[in-house]
Structure formats: C-alpha cells, structure tokens
ModelCIF file with pLDDT and N, C-alpha, C, O atoms, coordinates in Angstrom:
data_MODEL
#
_entry.id   MODEL 
#
_entity.id                         1 
_entity.type                       polymer 
_entity.pdbx_number_of_molecules   1 
#
_entity_poly.entity_id                      1 
_entity_poly.type                           'polypeptide(L)' 
_entity_poly.nstd_linkage                   no 
_entity_poly.nstd_monomer                   no 
_entity_poly.pdbx_seq_one_letter_code       TPKGERNDIVLAAAYVAGVTKVFTVGGAQAVAAL 
_entity_poly.pdbx_seq_one_letter_code_can   TPKGERNDIVLAAAYVAGVTKVFTVGGAQAVAAL 
_entity_poly.pdbx_strand_id                 A 
#
loop_
_entity_poly_seq.entity_id 
_entity_poly_seq.num 
_entity_poly_seq.mon_id 
_entity_poly_seq.hetero 
1 1  THR n 
1 2  PRO n 
1 3  LYS n 
1 4  GLY n 
1 5  GLU n 
1 6  ARG n 
1 7  ASN n 
1 8  ASP n 
1 9  ILE n 
1 10 VAL n 
1 11 LEU n 
1 12 ALA n 
1 13 ALA n 
1 14 ALA n 
1 15 TYR n 
1 16 VAL n 
1 17 ALA n 
1 18 GLY n 
1 19 VAL n 
1 20 THR n 
1 21 LYS n 
1 22 VAL n 
1 23 PHE n 
1 24 THR n 
1 25 VAL n 
1 26 GLY n 
1 27 GLY n 
1 28 ALA n 
1 29 GLN n 
1 30 ALA n 
1 31 VAL n 
1 32 ALA n 
1 33 ALA n 
1 34 LEU n 
#
_struct_asym.id          A 
_struct_asym.entity_id   1 
#
loop_
_ma_qa_metric.id 
_ma_qa_metric.mode 
_ma_qa_metric.name 
_ma_qa_metric.software_group_id 
_ma_qa_metric.type 
1 global pLDDT . pLDDT 
2 local  pLDDT . pLDDT 
#
_ma_qa_metric_global.metric_id      1 
_ma_qa_metric_global.metric_value   95.18 
_ma_qa_metric_global.model_id       1 
_ma_qa_metric_global.ordinal_id     1 
#
loop_
_ma_qa_metric_local.label_asym_id 
_ma_qa_metric_local.label_comp_id 
_ma_qa_metric_local.label_seq_id 
_ma_qa_metric_local.metric_id 
_ma_qa_metric_local.metric_value 
_ma_qa_metric_local.model_id 
_ma_qa_metric_local.ordinal_id 
A THR 1  2 92.00 1 1  
A PRO 2  2 91.00 1 2  
A LYS 3  2 90.00 1 3  
A GLY 4  2 88.00 1 4  
A GLU 5  2 90.00 1 5  
A ARG 6  2 91.00 1 6  
A ASN 7  2 93.00 1 7  
A ASP 8  2 94.00 1 8  
A ILE 9  2 95.00 1 9  
A VAL 10 2 96.00 1 10 
A LEU 11 2 96.00 1 11 
A ALA 12 2 96.00 1 12 
A ALA 13 2 97.00 1 13 
A ALA 14 2 97.00 1 14 
A TYR 15 2 97.00 1 15 
A VAL 16 2 97.00 1 16 
A ALA 17 2 96.00 1 17 
A GLY 18 2 95.00 1 18 
A VAL 19 2 97.00 1 19 
A THR 20 2 96.00 1 20 
A LYS 21 2 95.00 1 21 
A VAL 22 2 97.00 1 22 
A PHE 23 2 97.00 1 23 
A THR 24 2 96.00 1 24 
A VAL 25 2 96.00 1 25 
A GLY 26 2 94.00 1 26 
A GLY 27 2 95.00 1 27 
A ALA 28 2 96.00 1 28 
A GLN 29 2 97.00 1 29 
A ALA 30 2 97.00 1 30 
A VAL 31 2 98.00 1 31 
A ALA 32 2 98.00 1 32 
A ALA 33 2 98.00 1 33 
A LEU 34 2 98.00 1 34 
#
loop_
_atom_site.group_PDB 
_atom_site.id 
_atom_site.type_symbol 
_atom_site.label_atom_id 
_atom_site.label_alt_id 
_atom_site.label_comp_id 
_atom_site.label_asym_id 
_atom_site.label_entity_id 
_atom_site.label_seq_id 
_atom_site.pdbx_PDB_ins_code 
_atom_site.Cartn_x 
_atom_site.Cartn_y 
_atom_site.Cartn_z 
_atom_site.occupancy 
_atom_site.B_iso_or_equiv 
_atom_site.pdbx_formal_charge 
_atom_site.auth_seq_id 
_atom_site.auth_comp_id 
_atom_site.auth_asym_id 
_atom_site.auth_atom_id 
_atom_site.pdbx_PDB_model_num 
ATOM 1   N N  . THR A 1 1  ? 0.821   -1.297  -0.061 1.00 92.00 ? 1  THR A N  1 
ATOM 2   C CA . THR A 1 1  ? -0.106  -0.006  0.033  1.00 92.00 ? 1  THR A CA 1 
ATOM 3   C C  . THR A 1 1  ? 0.794   1.287   -0.038 1.00 92.00 ? 1  THR A C  1 
ATOM 4   O O  . THR A 1 1  ? 0.894   2.012   0.952  1.00 92.00 ? 1  THR A O  1 
ATOM 5   N N  . PRO A 1 2  ? 1.429   1.561   -1.186 1.00 91.00 ? 2  PRO A N  1 
ATOM 6   C CA . PRO A 1 2  ? 2.264   2.670   -1.350 1.00 91.00 ? 2  PRO A CA 1 
ATOM 7   C C  . PRO A 1 2  ? 1.754   3.994   -0.752 1.00 91.00 ? 2  PRO A C  1 
ATOM 8   O O  . PRO A 1 2  ? 0.749   4.529   -1.221 1.00 91.00 ? 2  PRO A O  1 
ATOM 9   N N  . LYS A 1 3  ? 2.443   4.535   0.288  1.00 90.00 ? 3  LYS A N  1 
ATOM 10  C CA . LYS A 1 3  ? 2.004   5.836   1.196  1.00 90.00 ? 3  LYS A CA 1 
ATOM 11  C C  . LYS A 1 3  ? 0.938   5.852   1.708  1.00 90.00 ? 3  LYS A C  1 
ATOM 12  O O  . LYS A 1 3  ? 0.320   6.887   1.957  1.00 90.00 ? 3  LYS A O  1 
ATOM 13  N N  . GLY A 1 4  ? 0.413   4.316   2.031  1.00 88.00 ? 4  GLY A N  1 
ATOM 14  C CA . GLY A 1 4  ? -0.468  3.816   2.800  1.00 88.00 ? 4  GLY A CA 1 
ATOM 15  C C  . GLY A 1 4  ? -1.799  4.020   2.104  1.00 88.00 ? 4  GLY A C  1 
ATOM 16  O O  . GLY A 1 4  ? -2.786  4.118   2.832  1.00 88.00 ? 4  GLY A O  1 
ATOM 17  N N  . GLU A 1 5  ? -1.958  4.097   0.790  1.00 90.00 ? 5  GLU A N  1 
ATOM 18  C CA . GLU A 1 5  ? -3.091  4.069   0.007  1.00 90.00 ? 5  GLU A CA 1 
ATOM 19  C C  . GLU A 1 5  ? -3.595  2.862   -0.296 1.00 90.00 ? 5  GLU A C  1 
ATOM 20  O O  . GLU A 1 5  ? -3.036  2.258   -1.211 1.00 90.00 ? 5  GLU A O  1 
ATOM 21  N N  . ARG A 1 6  ? -4.632  2.288   0.313  1.00 91.00 ? 6  ARG A N  1 
ATOM 22  C CA . ARG A 1 6  ? -5.394  0.975   0.079  1.00 91.00 ? 6  ARG A CA 1 
ATOM 23  C C  . ARG A 1 6  ? -6.328  0.898   -1.017 1.00 91.00 ? 6  ARG A C  1 
ATOM 24  O O  . ARG A 1 6  ? -7.213  1.744   -1.151 1.00 91.00 ? 6  ARG A O  1 
ATOM 25  N N  . ASN A 1 7  ? -6.190  0.002   -1.747 1.00 93.00 ? 7  ASN A N  1 
ATOM 26  C CA . ASN A 1 7  ? -7.174  -0.200  -2.814 1.00 93.00 ? 7  ASN A CA 1 
ATOM 27  C C  . ASN A 1 7  ? -8.196  -0.918  -2.273 1.00 93.00 ? 7  ASN A C  1 
ATOM 28  O O  . ASN A 1 7  ? -8.031  -1.998  -1.705 1.00 93.00 ? 7  ASN A O  1 
ATOM 29  N N  . ASP A 1 8  ? -9.669  -0.150  -2.480 1.00 94.00 ? 8  ASP A N  1 
ATOM 30  C CA . ASP A 1 8  ? -10.893 -0.731  -2.083 1.00 94.00 ? 8  ASP A CA 1 
ATOM 31  C C  . ASP A 1 8  ? -11.098 -2.153  -2.963 1.00 94.00 ? 8  ASP A C  1 
ATOM 32  O O  . ASP A 1 8  ? -11.332 -3.232  -2.419 1.00 94.00 ? 8  ASP A O  1 
ATOM 33  N N  . ILE A 1 9  ? -10.986 -1.989  -4.241 1.00 95.00 ? 9  ILE A N  1 
ATOM 34  C CA . ILE A 1 9  ? -11.657 -3.048  -5.040 1.00 95.00 ? 9  ILE A CA 1 
ATOM 35  C C  . ILE A 1 9  ? -10.654 -4.272  -4.891 1.00 95.00 ? 9  ILE A C  1 
ATOM 36  O O  . ILE A 1 9  ? -11.132 -5.406  -4.935 1.00 95.00 ? 9  ILE A O  1 
ATOM 37  N N  . VAL A 1 10 ? -9.238  -4.093  -4.710 1.00 96.00 ? 10 VAL A N  1 
ATOM 38  C CA . VAL A 1 10 ? -8.420  -5.310  -4.296 1.00 96.00 ? 10 VAL A CA 1 
ATOM 39  C C  . VAL A 1 10 ? -9.082  -5.830  -3.342 1.00 96.00 ? 10 VAL A C  1 
ATOM 40  O O  . VAL A 1 10 ? -9.578  -6.931  -3.582 1.00 96.00 ? 10 VAL A O  1 
ATOM 41  N N  . LEU A 1 11 ? -9.306  -5.224  -1.971 1.00 96.00 ? 11 LEU A N  1 
ATOM 42  C CA . LEU A 1 11 ? -9.539  -5.591  -0.664 1.00 96.00 ? 11 LEU A CA 1 
ATOM 43  C C  . LEU A 1 11 ? -11.267 -6.272  -0.731 1.00 96.00 ? 11 LEU A C  1 
ATOM 44  O O  . LEU A 1 11 ? -11.831 -7.018  0.069  1.00 96.00 ? 11 LEU A O  1 
ATOM 45  N N  . ALA A 1 12 ? -11.720 -5.717  -1.901 1.00 96.00 ? 12 ALA A N  1 
ATOM 46  C CA . ALA A 1 12 ? -13.191 -6.490  -1.766 1.00 96.00 ? 12 ALA A CA 1 
ATOM 47  C C  . ALA A 1 12 ? -13.157 -7.553  -2.517 1.00 96.00 ? 12 ALA A C  1 
ATOM 48  O O  . ALA A 1 12 ? -14.034 -8.401  -2.349 1.00 96.00 ? 12 ALA A O  1 
ATOM 49  N N  . ALA A 1 13 ? -12.119 -7.754  -3.534 1.00 97.00 ? 13 ALA A N  1 
ATOM 50  C CA . ALA A 1 13 ? -11.898 -8.986  -4.076 1.00 97.00 ? 13 ALA A CA 1 
ATOM 51  C C  . ALA A 1 13 ? -11.433 -9.927  -3.239 1.00 97.00 ? 13 ALA A C  1 
ATOM 52  O O  . ALA A 1 13 ? -11.721 -11.105 -3.447 1.00 97.00 ? 13 ALA A O  1 
ATOM 53  N N  . ALA A 1 14 ? -10.648 -9.558  -2.172 1.00 97.00 ? 14 ALA A N  1 
ATOM 54  C CA . ALA A 1 14 ? -9.984  -10.665 -1.196 1.00 97.00 ? 14 ALA A CA 1 
ATOM 55  C C  . ALA A 1 14 ? -11.316 -11.100 -0.575 1.00 97.00 ? 14 ALA A C  1 
ATOM 56  O O  . ALA A 1 14 ? -11.486 -12.306 -0.398 1.00 97.00 ? 14 ALA A O  1 
ATOM 57  N N  . TYR A 1 15 ? -12.391 -10.130 -0.185 1.00 97.00 ? 15 TYR A N  1 
ATOM 58  C CA . TYR A 1 15 ? -13.241 -10.493 0.751  1.00 97.00 ? 15 TYR A CA 1 
ATOM 59  C C  . TYR A 1 15 ? -14.422 -11.698 -0.155 1.00 97.00 ? 15 TYR A C  1 
ATOM 60  O O  . TYR A 1 15 ? -14.995 -12.679 0.317  1.00 97.00 ? 15 TYR A O  1 
ATOM 61  N N  . VAL A 1 16 ? -14.461 -11.224 -1.370 1.00 97.00 ? 16 VAL A N  1 
ATOM 62  C CA . VAL A 1 16 ? -15.384 -12.137 -2.345 1.00 97.00 ? 16 VAL A CA 1 
ATOM 63  C C  . VAL A 1 16 ? -14.762 -13.561 -2.260 1.00 97.00 ? 16 VAL A C  1 
ATOM 64  O O  . VAL A 1 16 ? -15.434 -14.521 -1.885 1.00 97.00 ? 16 VAL A O  1 
ATOM 65  N N  . ALA A 1 17 ? -13.430 -13.668 -2.629 1.00 96.00 ? 17 ALA A N  1 
ATOM 66  C CA . ALA A 1 17 ? -12.819 -14.825 -2.867 1.00 96.00 ? 17 ALA A CA 1 
ATOM 67  C C  . ALA A 1 17 ? -12.432 -15.636 -1.552 1.00 96.00 ? 17 ALA A C  1 
ATOM 68  O O  . ALA A 1 17 ? -11.934 -16.761 -1.578 1.00 96.00 ? 17 ALA A O  1 
ATOM 69  N N  . GLY A 1 18 ? -12.679 -15.032 -0.587 1.00 95.00 ? 18 GLY A N  1 
ATOM 70  C CA . GLY A 1 18 ? -12.405 -16.034 0.727  1.00 95.00 ? 18 GLY A CA 1 
ATOM 71  C C  . GLY A 1 18 ? -11.110 -15.735 1.172  1.00 95.00 ? 18 GLY A C  1 
ATOM 72  O O  . GLY A 1 18 ? -10.691 -16.689 1.827  1.00 95.00 ? 18 GLY A O  1 
ATOM 73  N N  . VAL A 1 19 ? -10.339 -14.872 1.103  1.00 97.00 ? 19 VAL A N  1 
ATOM 74  C CA . VAL A 1 19 ? -8.901  -14.737 1.700  1.00 97.00 ? 19 VAL A CA 1 
ATOM 75  C C  . VAL A 1 19 ? -9.100  -14.695 3.221  1.00 97.00 ? 19 VAL A C  1 
ATOM 76  O O  . VAL A 1 19 ? -9.864  -13.914 3.789  1.00 97.00 ? 19 VAL A O  1 
ATOM 77  N N  . THR A 1 20 ? -8.333  -15.613 3.820  1.00 96.00 ? 20 THR A N  1 
ATOM 78  C CA . THR A 1 20 ? -8.402  -15.551 5.263  1.00 96.00 ? 20 THR A CA 1 
ATOM 79  C C  . THR A 1 20 ? -7.774  -14.256 6.056  1.00 96.00 ? 20 THR A C  1 
ATOM 80  O O  . THR A 1 20 ? -8.395  -13.622 6.910  1.00 96.00 ? 20 THR A O  1 
ATOM 81  N N  . LYS A 1 21 ? -6.572  -14.005 5.669  1.00 95.00 ? 21 LYS A N  1 
ATOM 82  C CA . LYS A 1 21 ? -5.705  -12.748 6.260  1.00 95.00 ? 21 LYS A CA 1 
ATOM 83  C C  . LYS A 1 21 ? -5.128  -11.863 5.196  1.00 95.00 ? 21 LYS A C  1 
ATOM 84  O O  . LYS A 1 21 ? -4.918  -12.273 4.054  1.00 95.00 ? 21 LYS A O  1 
ATOM 85  N N  . VAL A 1 22 ? -4.892  -10.712 5.573  1.00 97.00 ? 22 VAL A N  1 
ATOM 86  C CA . VAL A 1 22 ? -4.456  -9.861  4.640  1.00 97.00 ? 22 VAL A CA 1 
ATOM 87  C C  . VAL A 1 22 ? -3.514  -9.042  5.458  1.00 97.00 ? 22 VAL A C  1 
ATOM 88  O O  . VAL A 1 22 ? -3.740  -8.737  6.629  1.00 97.00 ? 22 VAL A O  1 
ATOM 89  N N  . PHE A 1 23 ? -2.366  -8.671  4.736  1.00 97.00 ? 23 PHE A N  1 
ATOM 90  C CA . PHE A 1 23 ? -1.147  -8.041  5.570  1.00 97.00 ? 23 PHE A CA 1 
ATOM 91  C C  . PHE A 1 23 ? -0.585  -7.002  4.364  1.00 97.00 ? 23 PHE A C  1 
ATOM 92  O O  . PHE A 1 23 ? -0.140  -7.341  3.267  1.00 97.00 ? 23 PHE A O  1 
ATOM 93  N N  . THR A 1 24 ? -0.715  -5.851  4.811  1.00 96.00 ? 24 THR A N  1 
ATOM 94  C CA . THR A 1 24 ? -0.228  -4.662  3.752  1.00 96.00 ? 24 THR A CA 1 
ATOM 95  C C  . THR A 1 24 ? 1.163   -4.522  3.417  1.00 96.00 ? 24 THR A C  1 
ATOM 96  O O  . THR A 1 24 ? 1.670   -3.401  3.398  1.00 96.00 ? 24 THR A O  1 
ATOM 97  N N  . VAL A 1 25 ? 1.827   -5.556  3.150  1.00 96.00 ? 25 VAL A N  1 
ATOM 98  C CA . VAL A 1 25 ? 3.057   -5.531  2.959  1.00 96.00 ? 25 VAL A CA 1 
ATOM 99  C C  . VAL A 1 25 ? 3.564   -5.923  1.559  1.00 96.00 ? 25 VAL A C  1 
ATOM 100 O O  . VAL A 1 25 ? 2.749   -6.621  0.954  1.00 96.00 ? 25 VAL A O  1 
ATOM 101 N N  . GLY A 1 26 ? 4.732   -5.648  0.868  1.00 94.00 ? 26 GLY A N  1 
ATOM 102 C CA . GLY A 1 26 ? 4.882   -6.030  -0.580 1.00 94.00 ? 26 GLY A CA 1 
ATOM 103 C C  . GLY A 1 26 ? 6.326   -6.170  -0.559 1.00 94.00 ? 26 GLY A C  1 
ATOM 104 O O  . GLY A 1 26 ? 7.023   -5.892  0.416  1.00 94.00 ? 26 GLY A O  1 
ATOM 105 N N  . GLY A 1 27 ? 6.792   -6.656  -1.780 1.00 95.00 ? 27 GLY A N  1 
ATOM 106 C CA . GLY A 1 27 ? 8.095   -6.360  -2.415 1.00 95.00 ? 27 GLY A CA 1 
ATOM 107 C C  . GLY A 1 27 ? 8.585   -7.822  -1.734 1.00 95.00 ? 27 GLY A C  1 
ATOM 108 O O  . GLY A 1 27 ? 7.816   -8.717  -1.384 1.00 95.00 ? 27 GLY A O  1 
ATOM 109 N N  . ALA A 1 28 ? 10.071  -7.843  -1.633 1.00 96.00 ? 28 ALA A N  1 
ATOM 110 C CA . ALA A 1 28 ? 10.811  -9.040  -1.446 1.00 96.00 ? 28 ALA A CA 1 
ATOM 111 C C  . ALA A 1 28 ? 10.559  -9.288  0.272  1.00 96.00 ? 28 ALA A C  1 
ATOM 112 O O  . ALA A 1 28 ? 10.649  -10.369 0.854  1.00 96.00 ? 28 ALA A O  1 
ATOM 113 N N  . GLN A 1 29 ? 10.307  -8.291  0.724  1.00 97.00 ? 29 GLN A N  1 
ATOM 114 C CA . GLN A 1 29 ? 10.069  -8.655  2.308  1.00 97.00 ? 29 GLN A CA 1 
ATOM 115 C C  . GLN A 1 29 ? 8.906   -9.259  2.553  1.00 97.00 ? 29 GLN A C  1 
ATOM 116 O O  . GLN A 1 29 ? 8.861   -10.048 3.497  1.00 97.00 ? 29 GLN A O  1 
ATOM 117 N N  . ALA A 1 30 ? 7.680   -9.004  1.721  1.00 97.00 ? 30 ALA A N  1 
ATOM 118 C CA . ALA A 1 30 ? 6.396   -9.987  1.604  1.00 97.00 ? 30 ALA A CA 1 
ATOM 119 C C  . ALA A 1 30 ? 6.942   -11.331 1.423  1.00 97.00 ? 30 ALA A C  1 
ATOM 120 O O  . ALA A 1 30 ? 6.822   -12.143 2.340  1.00 97.00 ? 30 ALA A O  1 
ATOM 121 N N  . VAL A 1 31 ? 7.429   -11.593 0.521  1.00 98.00 ? 31 VAL A N  1 
ATOM 122 C CA . VAL A 1 31 ? 7.730   -13.114 -0.077 1.00 98.00 ? 31 VAL A CA 1 
ATOM 123 C C  . VAL A 1 31 ? 8.383   -13.814 0.988  1.00 98.00 ? 31 VAL A C  1 
ATOM 124 O O  . VAL A 1 31 ? 8.015   -14.931 1.350  1.00 98.00 ? 31 VAL A O  1 
ATOM 125 N N  . ALA A 1 32 ? 9.464   -13.114 1.568  1.00 98.00 ? 32 ALA A N  1 
ATOM 126 C CA . ALA A 1 32 ? 10.387  -13.603 2.625  1.00 98.00 ? 32 ALA A CA 1 
ATOM 127 C C  . ALA A 1 32 ? 9.714   -14.094 3.851  1.00 98.00 ? 32 ALA A C  1 
ATOM 128 O O  . ALA A 1 32 ? 10.020  -15.122 4.454  1.00 98.00 ? 32 ALA A O  1 
ATOM 129 N N  . ALA A 1 33 ? 8.638   -13.149 4.210  1.00 98.00 ? 33 ALA A N  1 
ATOM 130 C CA . ALA A 1 33 ? 7.751   -13.396 5.233  1.00 98.00 ? 33 ALA A CA 1 
ATOM 131 C C  . ALA A 1 33 ? 6.959   -14.343 5.067  1.00 98.00 ? 33 ALA A C  1 
ATOM 132 O O  . ALA A 1 33 ? 6.645   -14.885 6.127  1.00 98.00 ? 33 ALA A O  1 
ATOM 133 N N  . LEU A 1 34 ? 6.472   -14.799 4.097  1.00 98.00 ? 34 LEU A N  1 
ATOM 134 C CA . LEU A 1 34 ? 5.524   -15.916 3.644  1.00 98.00 ? 34 LEU A CA 1 
ATOM 135 C C  . LEU A 1 34 ? 6.341   -17.193 3.726  1.00 98.00 ? 34 LEU A C  1 
ATOM 136 O O  . LEU A 1 34 ? 5.835   -18.271 3.417  1.00 98.00 ? 34 LEU A O  1 
#
C-alpha cells in the first residue's frame, strides 16, 4: 500500500474470494515473510 493508500476493489476481491488474512506488505520482504 504505497504511502498507505489501500485499493478498495482489491480488498473487496479478497472478501469475495474468501481470503483468510491480509497483510499490507509488498516486495521481497513480503515473499520472505510468507
């Protein structure tokens, strides 16, 4: 979420698709965390 900006349609898609948990991290650090 660059500069803290969240995309509502992306988050809504996660809701529709049954995603369990969401973390607002990206890049190599997100891949390493997973």
